[in-house]
Amino acid sequence: MHVTHHSDANIPLFASRVCAYLDGVTKRVCEPAWREMMSTQLKTAEQADPHATQPLPEWVRNAPRFCEDPAATARGLRSVIEEEAAECERIQCLTPRVQRALIESGIYGTLIPKEFGGCQADPQTYIDVVEELAYADGAIAWTVMASGFAAANAAIWLGPKAVKAMFEDGEGFIAAGQVAPTGKAERVEGGYRISGKFQFASGSELASWFLGAYILQEEGKPALSAEGKPQIMIAFAPRAKVRIMRDSWNVAGLAATGSYDYEVTDQIVDDDFVMVPAQRQHRGGASYDIGVSIGHVAWALGVAKRALDEIQALATRKKRVGRITLIDQPTFQRDFAMAKGQLEASRAYVRSVYRDWLAAAEKQEGDIEAHALGRLAACWATKTCTEIGQFAFLASGSDGLRNADDNRLQRCFRDLHAGAPHRHVDDNVLLDAATVVLGVNKPGLDL
């Protein structure tokens, strides 16, 4: 499990995206000779394999994992995120400036355990962080949320060899990937042989590791559990043995996440790089009992808050012929008040429920009701936020309709509708949570 280190003089990181970025901001173009060198090196790499991953530079692999006040750090990133958001969407990944700002801030270490130099933020702080980033831009926040949570799971679940590679050997700790079981795995001595094709690797441009879910095979067929279901495992593969399909991401919302399809090539991973099924206790404190739904709902809250602020600002100047200004129209005032109340209720409820979930985890109660209420809150609040985004968009009329770099309201609308259907906050989760609240849940239900 060794990843060869390369100097920054090798094929530049994300060269194709950098070229696109520079084309859009010609007043900041570097020297022509440097651009020509980048293009030449990129073409050389693409001739070998257009989907091959390029090695990450040292400043990414050695990204800081700590910031004194994560929420304040997130607020401090707002200006650079807002300035670059439109360009990130245009090139459908993070611009070099945003990459640098995020990496150097230490924000990717928000959930990393303290024993690995991270912040180990409590749930309330984490909600604040994601909400702040999402207010600045939904897609960029999603990238940090998804990659940061994947890295945190590696830190708390993987074995000694894996955490040493990620947090001690300078190979990088940021991760990306998908847990839909579309890969295959076979048990071999000391580990597993894995391969598979996956989607939605948000933040993959900065990822040193790619997780995937694999159906365990025995004699060429899926291995079944005692319940007769296919056995699924989750493992992390190194960047050097992953192919990224950068032409696979062309979407209406969350465009800047660069959530490319990727292929984990045939390889053997050590047992220490396998997260599920885990034969070890997880590290960190009780807060790690809380799943990724907390990040999804915090994200929705931040984007919805931005959508309301954008329509409020627009309403002060929007006026159709023969009518009063939008902000003076009673129907708008009523609908805005309802949306504002729903948002603030969602923010309060979400924080309360996750506070209760943490309290139950600290008592080691294994309280499925606390889990269910947390998942229910995430689903409900995400749906509420999506409705708020729809209200703001419809109220904006043709202003929201027009494509423009500064049309943040439209981007909020598109991002909310792209993020709301995610499997962690969809109706299937809501229904499972409802069975617990109603007292009719299936034995062994996992929330």
Protein backbone atom coordinates (compact mmCIF):
# COMPACT_ATOMS: atom_id res chain seq x y z
CA MET A 1 0.00 0.00 0.00
CA HIS A 2 2.65 2.47 -1.00
CA VAL A 3 1.97 5.56 -3.05
CA THR A 4 4.97 6.95 -4.86
CA HIS A 5 5.64 10.57 -4.06
CA HIS A 6 6.24 12.97 -6.92
CA SER A 7 7.62 16.47 -6.85
CA ASP A 8 5.59 19.46 -7.90
CA ALA A 9 7.68 19.57 -11.07
CA ASN A 10 5.85 16.54 -12.43
CA ILE A 11 2.58 16.78 -14.33
CA PRO A 12 0.82 19.72 -12.65
CA LEU A 13 -2.17 19.00 -10.49
CA PHE A 14 -5.46 19.24 -12.35
CA ALA A 15 -3.74 20.75 -15.38
CA SER A 16 -6.79 20.58 -17.61
CA ARG A 17 -8.91 22.40 -15.06
CA VAL A 18 -6.23 24.98 -14.43
CA CYS A 19 -6.06 25.74 -18.15
CA ALA A 20 -9.83 26.17 -18.26
CA TYR A 21 -9.66 28.39 -15.20
CA LEU A 22 -7.00 30.59 -16.73
CA ASP A 23 -8.95 30.91 -19.96
CA GLY A 24 -11.82 32.41 -17.97
CA VAL A 25 -9.69 34.97 -16.15
CA THR A 26 -7.22 36.11 -18.76
CA LYS A 27 -6.12 39.13 -16.78
CA ARG A 28 -4.57 36.75 -14.26
CA VAL A 29 -2.93 34.43 -16.79
CA CYS A 30 0.54 33.23 -15.92
CA GLU A 31 3.44 33.46 -18.31
CA PRO A 32 2.69 31.96 -21.74
CA ALA A 33 5.69 29.66 -21.46
CA TRP A 34 4.34 28.17 -18.25
CA ARG A 35 0.92 27.61 -19.81
CA GLU A 36 2.50 25.93 -22.82
CA MET A 37 4.47 23.63 -20.52
CA MET A 38 1.30 22.66 -18.66
CA SER A 39 -0.57 21.90 -21.88
CA THR A 40 2.29 19.81 -23.24
CA GLN A 41 2.59 17.78 -20.07
CA LEU A 42 -1.16 17.25 -19.91
CA LYS A 43 -1.29 15.99 -23.51
CA THR A 44 1.58 13.61 -22.79
CA ALA A 45 -0.29 12.19 -19.80
CA GLU A 46 -3.57 11.89 -21.68
CA GLN A 47 -1.92 9.98 -24.51
CA ALA A 48 -0.92 7.33 -21.97
CA ASP A 49 -4.31 7.18 -20.18
CA PRO A 50 -6.76 10.09 -20.25
CA HIS A 51 -8.34 8.88 -17.00
CA ALA A 52 -5.16 8.27 -15.03
CA THR A 53 -4.93 10.17 -11.76
CA GLN A 54 -2.15 12.67 -11.45
CA PRO A 55 -0.03 12.67 -8.27
CA LEU A 56 -0.96 15.23 -5.65
CA PRO A 57 1.57 17.93 -4.76
CA GLU A 58 3.12 18.07 -1.32
CA TRP A 59 0.96 20.96 -0.10
CA VAL A 60 -2.13 18.78 -0.59
CA ARG A 61 -0.64 15.59 0.83
CA ASN A 62 0.60 17.47 3.89
CA ALA A 63 -2.59 19.49 4.38
CA PRO A 64 -2.98 20.82 7.94
CA ARG A 65 -5.64 19.05 9.96
CA PHE A 66 -6.27 21.60 12.67
CA CYS A 67 -7.71 25.07 13.09
CA GLU A 68 -8.31 26.72 16.46
CA ASP A 69 -11.92 27.70 15.78
CA PRO A 70 -13.46 25.72 12.88
CA ALA A 71 -16.63 27.83 12.70
CA ALA A 72 -14.65 31.07 12.59
CA THR A 73 -12.36 29.53 9.99
CA ALA A 74 -15.37 28.67 7.85
CA ARG A 75 -16.65 32.24 8.12
CA GLY A 76 -13.22 33.53 7.18
CA LEU A 77 -13.32 31.55 3.93
CA ARG A 78 -16.55 33.20 2.74
CA SER A 79 -14.98 35.99 0.71
CA VAL A 80 -12.70 33.78 -1.39
CA ILE A 81 -15.48 31.21 -1.87
CA GLU A 82 -17.96 33.84 -3.02
CA GLU A 83 -15.42 35.40 -5.37
CA GLU A 84 -14.58 32.07 -6.99
CA ALA A 85 -17.96 30.27 -6.87
CA ALA A 86 -19.09 31.15 -10.39
CA GLU A 87 -15.78 30.10 -11.90
CA CYS A 88 -15.84 26.86 -9.91
CA GLU A 89 -19.23 26.11 -11.39
CA ARG A 90 -18.04 26.95 -14.90
CA ILE A 91 -15.11 24.53 -14.78
CA GLN A 92 -17.13 22.07 -12.63
CA CYS A 93 -14.54 21.67 -9.90
CA LEU A 94 -12.67 23.85 -7.41
CA THR A 95 -10.40 26.55 -8.78
CA PRO A 96 -6.74 26.49 -7.70
CA ARG A 97 -7.37 29.51 -5.47
CA VAL A 98 -10.21 27.78 -3.61
CA GLN A 99 -8.21 24.56 -3.32
CA ARG A 100 -5.34 26.44 -1.68
CA ALA A 101 -7.61 28.39 0.65
CA LEU A 102 -9.46 25.30 1.87
CA ILE A 103 -6.33 23.19 2.27
CA GLU A 104 -4.29 25.84 4.07
CA SER A 105 -7.14 26.73 6.43
CA GLY A 106 -7.17 23.27 8.03
CA ILE A 107 -10.94 23.02 7.54
CA TYR A 108 -10.66 19.47 6.14
CA GLY A 109 -9.58 18.37 9.62
CA THR A 110 -12.81 19.49 11.32
CA LEU A 111 -13.91 15.92 12.09
CA ILE A 112 -10.48 14.26 12.28
CA PRO A 113 -9.81 12.86 15.80
CA LYS A 114 -7.43 14.80 18.00
CA GLU A 115 -5.05 11.84 18.20
CA PHE A 116 -4.34 12.40 14.50
CA GLY A 117 -3.94 16.16 14.84
CA GLY A 118 -7.51 17.03 13.94
CA CYS A 119 -10.15 19.28 15.49
CA GLN A 120 -12.56 16.51 16.52
CA ALA A 121 -15.40 19.03 16.44
CA ASP A 122 -18.53 18.31 18.45
CA PRO A 123 -21.82 18.00 16.52
CA GLN A 124 -22.95 21.56 17.20
CA THR A 125 -19.67 23.01 15.96
CA TYR A 126 -19.76 20.76 12.90
CA ILE A 127 -23.25 21.97 12.02
CA ASP A 128 -22.01 25.56 12.31
CA VAL A 129 -19.03 24.84 10.05
CA VAL A 130 -20.99 23.19 7.24
CA GLU A 131 -23.79 25.75 7.47
CA GLU A 132 -21.28 28.61 7.16
CA LEU A 133 -19.57 27.06 4.14
CA ALA A 134 -22.91 26.27 2.48
CA TYR A 135 -24.08 29.85 2.95
CA ALA A 136 -21.03 30.97 0.95
CA ASP A 137 -21.60 28.36 -1.78
CA GLY A 138 -23.45 25.07 -1.81
CA ALA A 139 -21.18 23.10 -4.13
CA ILE A 140 -17.93 24.07 -2.45
CA ALA A 141 -19.42 23.27 0.96
CA TRP A 142 -20.62 19.90 -0.29
CA THR A 143 -17.11 19.07 -1.43
CA VAL A 144 -15.63 19.77 2.00
CA MET A 145 -18.49 18.02 3.80
CA ALA A 146 -18.27 14.83 1.74
CA SER A 147 -14.48 14.56 1.64
CA GLY A 148 -14.08 15.51 5.29
CA PHE A 149 -16.55 12.89 6.45
CA ALA A 150 -14.92 10.17 4.34
CA ALA A 151 -11.54 11.04 5.83
CA ALA A 152 -12.97 11.01 9.36
CA ASN A 153 -14.41 7.54 8.82
CA ALA A 154 -11.01 6.34 7.71
CA ALA A 155 -9.46 7.80 10.85
CA ILE A 156 -11.91 6.19 13.26
CA TRP A 157 -12.32 2.78 11.64
CA LEU A 158 -9.24 1.70 9.69
CA GLY A 159 -6.34 -0.36 11.02
CA PRO A 160 -2.81 0.72 12.04
CA LYS A 161 -1.20 0.38 8.59
CA ALA A 162 -3.91 2.48 6.99
CA VAL A 163 -3.91 5.32 9.51
CA LYS A 164 -0.11 5.39 9.41
CA ALA A 165 -0.18 5.83 5.64
CA MET A 166 -2.85 8.52 5.84
CA PHE A 167 -1.76 10.50 8.87
CA GLU A 168 1.95 9.86 9.37
CA ASP A 169 3.66 8.96 6.10
CA GLY A 170 2.77 12.09 4.13
CA GLU A 171 0.54 10.29 1.65
CA GLY A 172 -2.42 12.56 2.41
CA PHE A 173 -5.63 12.00 4.37
CA ILE A 174 -8.39 13.57 2.24
CA ALA A 175 -10.74 10.96 0.80
CA ALA A 176 -13.61 10.68 -1.67
CA GLY A 177 -15.92 7.99 -2.91
CA GLN A 178 -19.28 6.27 -2.97
CA VAL A 179 -20.73 3.49 -0.82
CA ALA A 180 -23.13 2.01 -3.39
CA PRO A 181 -22.02 -1.66 -3.66
CA THR A 182 -21.05 -1.74 -7.32
CA GLY A 183 -17.60 -3.27 -6.81
CA LYS A 184 -16.44 -6.84 -6.28
CA ALA A 185 -14.10 -8.20 -3.62
CA GLU A 186 -12.49 -11.55 -3.04
CA ARG A 187 -10.82 -12.69 0.16
CA VAL A 188 -7.09 -13.36 -0.21
CA GLU A 189 -4.32 -13.90 2.29
CA GLY A 190 -3.89 -10.76 4.40
CA GLY A 191 -6.62 -8.76 2.69
CA TYR A 192 -8.94 -8.51 -0.28
CA ARG A 193 -8.66 -8.30 -4.03
CA ILE A 194 -10.94 -5.45 -5.08
CA SER A 195 -12.09 -3.74 -8.27
CA GLY A 196 -15.10 -1.78 -9.40
CA LYS A 197 -16.63 1.25 -11.06
CA PHE A 198 -18.32 3.93 -8.98
CA GLN A 199 -19.86 7.40 -9.24
CA PHE A 200 -20.11 10.67 -7.31
CA ALA A 201 -16.56 11.06 -5.98
CA SER A 202 -17.15 14.59 -4.68
CA GLY A 203 -13.85 16.34 -4.04
CA SER A 204 -11.84 13.72 -5.91
CA GLU A 205 -9.37 16.27 -7.28
CA LEU A 206 -7.82 16.61 -3.80
CA ALA A 207 -8.34 13.03 -2.60
CA SER A 208 -5.45 10.72 -1.74
CA TRP A 209 -7.82 7.83 -1.05
CA PHE A 210 -10.99 6.51 -2.66
CA LEU A 211 -13.51 4.45 -0.76
CA GLY A 212 -15.89 2.04 -2.41
CA ALA A 213 -18.41 -0.63 -1.44
CA TYR A 214 -17.79 -4.14 -2.70
CA ILE A 215 -19.89 -7.30 -2.81
CA LEU A 216 -17.81 -10.14 -1.44
CA GLN A 217 -17.42 -13.03 -3.89
CA GLU A 218 -16.96 -16.72 -3.21
CA GLU A 219 -16.28 -19.03 -6.14
CA GLY A 220 -17.46 -16.34 -8.55
CA LYS A 221 -20.78 -15.72 -6.79
CA PRO A 222 -21.89 -13.23 -4.13
CA ALA A 223 -21.22 -14.51 -0.62
CA LEU A 224 -24.41 -14.48 1.44
CA SER A 225 -24.91 -13.59 5.08
CA ALA A 226 -26.87 -15.69 7.56
CA GLU A 227 -29.94 -13.66 6.52
CA GLY A 228 -29.38 -14.61 2.88
CA LYS A 229 -28.21 -11.14 1.81
CA PRO A 230 -25.01 -10.35 -0.16
CA GLN A 231 -22.10 -9.52 2.12
CA ILE A 232 -20.85 -5.98 1.54
CA MET A 233 -17.50 -4.52 2.54
CA ILE A 234 -16.14 -0.98 2.32
CA ALA A 235 -12.46 -0.38 1.63
CA PHE A 236 -10.08 2.46 0.78
CA ALA A 237 -7.81 2.37 -2.28
CA PRO A 238 -4.86 4.69 -2.98
CA ARG A 239 -5.15 7.42 -5.59
CA ALA A 240 -2.42 5.90 -7.74
CA LYS A 241 -4.61 2.86 -8.41
CA VAL A 242 -7.78 4.76 -9.32
CA ARG A 243 -8.90 6.10 -12.70
CA ILE A 244 -11.06 9.26 -12.72
CA MET A 245 -13.51 9.90 -15.56
CA ARG A 246 -13.42 13.70 -15.68
CA ASP A 247 -15.77 13.81 -18.65
CA SER A 248 -18.55 12.15 -16.64
CA TRP A 249 -19.73 15.20 -14.65
CA ASN A 250 -22.09 17.58 -16.48
CA VAL A 251 -24.97 18.52 -14.19
CA ALA A 252 -27.49 21.22 -13.34
CA GLY A 253 -26.72 21.49 -9.62
CA LEU A 254 -23.66 21.02 -7.38
CA ALA A 255 -21.56 21.32 -10.50
CA ALA A 256 -18.42 22.58 -8.75
CA THR A 257 -18.15 19.43 -6.62
CA GLY A 258 -16.40 17.60 -9.46
CA SER A 259 -18.23 14.41 -8.43
CA TYR A 260 -16.70 12.31 -11.17
CA ASP A 261 -17.18 8.64 -11.94
CA TYR A 262 -14.11 6.59 -11.01
CA GLU A 263 -12.72 3.11 -11.38
CA VAL A 264 -10.81 1.25 -8.70
CA THR A 265 -8.46 -0.92 -10.69
CA ASP A 266 -7.76 -4.54 -9.79
CA GLN A 267 -5.59 -4.57 -6.67
CA ILE A 268 -5.07 -6.16 -3.28
CA VAL A 269 -5.70 -4.08 -0.17
CA ASP A 270 -4.53 -5.02 3.30
CA ASP A 271 -7.12 -5.83 5.98
CA ASP A 272 -6.25 -2.55 7.67
CA PHE A 273 -7.75 -0.62 4.76
CA VAL A 274 -11.14 -2.30 5.16
CA MET A 275 -13.75 -0.30 7.08
CA VAL A 276 -16.77 -2.59 6.87
CA PRO A 277 -17.01 -5.20 8.20
CA ALA A 278 -14.70 -3.84 10.87
CA GLN A 279 -13.13 -6.21 13.37
CA ARG A 280 -11.98 -3.35 15.58
CA GLN A 281 -13.40 -0.71 17.90
CA HIS A 282 -13.71 2.76 16.47
CA ARG A 283 -11.46 5.55 17.72
CA GLY A 284 -12.51 8.96 18.93
CA GLY A 285 -15.39 9.88 21.21
CA ALA A 286 -19.14 9.42 21.30
CA SER A 287 -19.73 12.08 18.64
CA TYR A 288 -18.59 9.58 16.00
CA ASP A 289 -21.74 7.57 16.66
CA ILE A 290 -23.52 10.24 14.60
CA GLY A 291 -23.65 9.52 10.88
CA VAL A 292 -23.15 11.63 7.78
CA SER A 293 -26.78 12.83 7.75
CA ILE A 294 -25.69 15.62 10.10
CA GLY A 295 -23.51 17.05 7.35
CA HIS A 296 -26.25 16.82 4.74
CA VAL A 297 -28.84 18.65 6.81
CA ALA A 298 -26.37 21.33 7.96
CA TRP A 299 -25.55 21.88 4.30
CA ALA A 300 -29.23 22.31 3.38
CA LEU A 301 -29.74 24.79 6.21
CA GLY A 302 -26.88 26.96 4.99
CA VAL A 303 -28.01 27.01 1.36
CA ALA A 304 -31.62 27.75 2.33
CA LYS A 305 -30.53 30.64 4.54
CA ARG A 306 -28.61 32.11 1.61
CA ALA A 307 -31.63 31.72 -0.67
CA LEU A 308 -33.82 33.66 1.77
CA ASP A 309 -31.24 36.42 2.14
CA GLU A 310 -30.95 36.67 -1.66
CA ILE A 311 -34.71 36.97 -2.22
CA GLN A 312 -35.00 39.51 0.59
CA ALA A 313 -32.33 41.68 -1.05
CA LEU A 314 -33.94 41.29 -4.48
CA ALA A 315 -37.40 42.11 -3.13
CA THR A 316 -36.31 45.64 -2.16
CA ARG A 317 -35.81 46.56 -5.83
CA LYS A 318 -38.00 44.14 -7.80
CA LYS A 319 -41.12 45.79 -9.20
CA ARG A 320 -43.31 44.74 -12.07
CA VAL A 321 -45.16 47.29 -14.20
CA GLY A 322 -48.32 48.42 -12.47
CA ARG A 323 -47.46 46.81 -9.14
CA ILE A 324 -45.78 47.82 -5.91
CA THR A 325 -42.29 46.67 -5.01
CA LEU A 326 -42.16 42.97 -4.16
CA ILE A 327 -41.13 43.58 -0.56
CA ASP A 328 -44.30 45.64 -0.03
CA GLN A 329 -46.67 42.99 -1.38
CA PRO A 330 -48.67 41.32 1.45
CA THR A 331 -48.58 37.88 -0.15
CA PHE A 332 -44.79 37.99 -0.40
CA GLN A 333 -44.54 39.21 3.17
CA ARG A 334 -46.71 36.33 4.37
CA ASP A 335 -44.80 33.69 2.38
CA PHE A 336 -41.43 35.08 3.39
CA ALA A 337 -42.44 35.07 7.05
CA MET A 338 -43.55 31.46 6.81
CA ALA A 339 -40.31 30.45 5.08
CA LYS A 340 -38.23 32.31 7.66
CA GLY A 341 -40.10 30.63 10.50
CA GLN A 342 -39.69 27.20 8.91
CA LEU A 343 -35.96 27.74 8.48
CA GLU A 344 -35.39 28.89 12.05
CA ALA A 345 -37.54 26.05 13.38
CA SER A 346 -35.50 23.59 11.34
CA ARG A 347 -32.22 25.01 12.60
CA ALA A 348 -33.37 24.77 16.23
CA TYR A 349 -34.88 21.30 15.88
CA VAL A 350 -31.85 19.85 14.12
CA ARG A 351 -29.46 21.14 16.77
CA SER A 352 -31.70 19.85 19.56
CA VAL A 353 -32.06 16.36 18.10
CA TYR A 354 -28.34 15.91 17.44
CA ARG A 355 -27.61 17.15 20.94
CA ASP A 356 -29.86 14.37 22.26
CA TRP A 357 -28.22 11.82 19.97
CA LEU A 358 -24.80 12.75 21.36
CA ALA A 359 -26.07 12.50 24.94
CA ALA A 360 -27.38 9.00 24.29
CA ALA A 361 -24.08 8.00 22.68
CA GLU A 362 -22.09 9.32 25.63
CA LYS A 363 -24.16 7.11 27.93
CA GLN A 364 -23.51 4.19 25.56
CA GLU A 365 -27.21 3.49 25.48
CA GLY A 366 -27.31 2.46 21.83
CA ASP A 367 -30.61 4.28 21.65
CA ILE A 368 -32.21 3.53 18.28
CA GLU A 369 -34.87 6.16 18.98
CA ALA A 370 -32.20 8.87 19.23
CA HIS A 371 -30.81 7.65 15.92
CA ALA A 372 -34.27 7.62 14.35
CA LEU A 373 -35.11 11.13 15.51
CA GLY A 374 -31.80 12.38 14.16
CA ARG A 375 -32.38 10.81 10.77
CA LEU A 376 -35.99 12.01 10.76
CA ALA A 377 -34.88 15.57 11.53
CA ALA A 378 -32.30 15.48 8.74
CA CYS A 379 -34.86 14.28 6.19
CA TRP A 380 -37.59 16.69 7.30
CA ALA A 381 -35.33 19.74 7.49
CA THR A 382 -33.75 18.99 4.11
CA LYS A 383 -37.19 18.82 2.51
CA THR A 384 -38.18 22.03 4.27
CA CYS A 385 -35.05 23.78 3.02
CA THR A 386 -35.73 22.61 -0.53
CA GLU A 387 -39.23 24.10 -0.32
CA ILE A 388 -37.72 27.36 0.94
CA GLY A 389 -35.39 27.41 -2.04
CA GLN A 390 -38.35 26.85 -4.36
CA PHE A 391 -40.28 29.70 -2.75
CA ALA A 392 -37.32 32.06 -3.19
CA PHE A 393 -36.81 31.05 -6.80
CA LEU A 394 -40.47 31.42 -7.78
CA ALA A 395 -40.72 34.75 -5.99
CA SER A 396 -37.74 36.05 -7.94
CA GLY A 397 -39.58 35.75 -11.26
CA SER A 398 -37.41 36.30 -14.30
CA ASP A 399 -34.51 37.49 -12.13
CA GLY A 400 -34.01 33.97 -10.87
CA LEU A 401 -34.44 32.53 -14.33
CA ARG A 402 -31.58 34.38 -15.99
CA ASN A 403 -28.18 32.71 -16.12
CA ALA A 404 -25.49 34.98 -14.71
CA ASP A 405 -22.35 34.56 -12.64
CA ASP A 406 -23.82 36.64 -9.82
CA ASN A 407 -27.18 34.85 -9.76
CA ARG A 408 -26.61 33.17 -6.41
CA LEU A 409 -30.32 32.65 -5.84
CA GLN A 410 -30.63 30.46 -8.92
CA ARG A 411 -27.53 28.52 -7.86
CA CYS A 412 -29.06 27.93 -4.41
CA PHE A 413 -32.22 26.61 -6.05
CA ARG A 414 -30.32 24.23 -8.32
CA ASP A 415 -27.97 23.04 -5.60
CA LEU A 416 -30.79 22.35 -3.14
CA HIS A 417 -32.66 20.26 -5.69
CA ALA A 418 -29.47 18.38 -6.53
CA GLY A 419 -28.64 17.59 -2.90
CA ALA A 420 -32.12 16.84 -1.53
CA PRO A 421 -32.56 13.40 -3.20
CA HIS A 422 -29.36 12.01 -1.65
CA ARG A 423 -29.75 8.55 -0.13
CA HIS A 424 -28.86 9.79 3.37
CA VAL A 425 -31.88 12.11 3.51
CA ASP A 426 -34.35 10.52 1.12
CA ASP A 427 -37.81 9.04 1.71
CA ASN A 428 -36.42 5.56 2.36
CA VAL A 429 -34.55 6.85 5.40
CA LEU A 430 -37.58 8.86 6.49
CA LEU A 431 -39.77 5.75 6.34
CA ASP A 432 -37.28 3.68 8.34
CA ALA A 433 -37.14 6.42 10.98
CA ALA A 434 -40.93 6.57 11.04
CA THR A 435 -41.17 2.86 11.87
CA VAL A 436 -39.08 3.45 14.99
CA VAL A 437 -41.14 6.44 16.09
CA LEU A 438 -44.31 4.41 15.52
CA GLY A 439 -42.91 1.41 17.38
CA VAL A 440 -43.16 -0.99 14.44
CA ASN A 441 -39.55 -1.10 13.26
CA LYS A 442 -38.05 -4.32 11.99
CA PRO A 443 -35.66 -6.16 14.34
CA GLY A 444 -32.09 -5.29 13.47
CA LEU A 445 -32.98 -2.04 11.70
CA ASP A 446 -29.79 0.00 11.31
CA LEU A 447 -30.08 3.78 11.39
